[in-house]
Amino acid sequence: MTEEKLLELLKDMSLKEKTGQMMQLDVSCFKDEGPVTGSAVE
């Protein structure tokens, strides 16, 4: 994908769509050794 095509796609995406893309979780988030994000509750 060219940078021009990428910028065109980003321009056409809504803020909700862009946020959704950034918030996609990886399967490793559901395993004990996955990355820890957010506040820890103990």
C-alpha atoms as a PDB file:
ATOM      1  CA  MET A   1       0.000   0.000   0.000  1.00  0.00           C
ATOM      2  CA  THR A   2       1.355   3.391  -0.885  1.00  0.00           C
ATOM      3  CA  GLU A   3       1.483   6.237   1.594  1.00  0.00           C
ATOM      4  CA  GLU A   4      -0.884   8.193  -0.650  1.00  0.00           C
ATOM      5  CA  LYS A   5      -3.483   5.393  -0.572  1.00  0.00           C
ATOM      6  CA  LEU A   6      -3.116   5.046   3.214  1.00  0.00           C
ATOM      7  CA  LEU A   7      -3.642   8.787   3.746  1.00  0.00           C
ATOM      8  CA  GLU A   8      -6.707   8.665   1.491  1.00  0.00           C
ATOM      9  CA  LEU A   9      -8.182   5.792   3.527  1.00  0.00           C
ATOM     10  CA  LEU A  10      -7.486   7.579   6.831  1.00  0.00           C
ATOM     11  CA  LYS A  11      -9.085  10.765   5.524  1.00  0.00           C
ATOM     12  CA  ASP A  12     -12.262   8.848   4.678  1.00  0.00           C
ATOM     13  CA  MET A  13     -12.510   7.116   8.094  1.00  0.00           C
ATOM     14  CA  SER A  14     -14.629   8.583  10.870  1.00  0.00           C
ATOM     15  CA  LEU A  15     -13.127   9.276  14.284  1.00  0.00           C
ATOM     16  CA  LYS A  16     -15.105   6.300  15.632  1.00  0.00           C
ATOM     17  CA  GLU A  17     -13.575   4.020  12.987  1.00  0.00           C
ATOM     18  CA  LYS A  18     -10.045   5.286  13.676  1.00  0.00           C
ATOM     19  CA  THR A  19     -10.502   4.786  17.429  1.00  0.00           C
ATOM     20  CA  GLY A  20     -11.880   1.291  16.845  1.00  0.00           C
ATOM     21  CA  GLN A  21      -8.805   0.375  14.812  1.00  0.00           C
ATOM     22  CA  MET A  22      -6.498   1.607  17.583  1.00  0.00           C
ATOM     23  CA  MET A  23      -8.419  -0.306  20.269  1.00  0.00           C
ATOM     24  CA  GLN A  24      -8.369  -3.747  18.607  1.00  0.00           C
ATOM     25  CA  LEU A  25      -7.146  -6.370  21.054  1.00  0.00           C
ATOM     26  CA  ASP A  26      -4.632  -9.066  20.308  1.00  0.00           C
ATOM     27  CA  VAL A  27      -5.260 -12.632  21.519  1.00  0.00           C
ATOM     28  CA  SER A  28      -2.274 -12.241  23.884  1.00  0.00           C
ATOM     29  CA  CYS A  29      -4.375  -9.803  25.937  1.00  0.00           C
ATOM     30  CA  PHE A  30      -6.464 -12.754  27.097  1.00  0.00           C
ATOM     31  CA  LYS A  31      -3.559 -14.845  28.382  1.00  0.00           C
ATOM     32  CA  ASP A  32      -1.822 -14.487  31.743  1.00  0.00           C
ATOM     33  CA  GLU A  33       1.434 -13.446  30.108  1.00  0.00           C
ATOM     34  CA  GLY A  34      -0.248 -10.828  27.917  1.00  0.00           C
ATOM     35  CA  PRO A  35       0.450  -7.110  28.189  1.00  0.00           C
ATOM     36  CA  VAL A  36      -1.015  -5.262  31.169  1.00  0.00           C
ATOM     37  CA  THR A  37      -2.875  -2.080  30.291  1.00  0.00           C
ATOM     38  CA  GLY A  38      -4.972   0.281  32.357  1.00  0.00           C
ATOM     39  CA  SER A  39      -5.104   0.446  36.113  1.00  0.00           C
ATOM     40  CA  ALA A  40      -4.525  -2.642  38.227  1.00  0.00           C
ATOM     41  CA  VAL A  41      -7.224  -3.535  40.730  1.00  0.00           C
ATOM     42  CA  GLU A  42      -6.075  -5.579  43.691  1.00  0.00           C
END
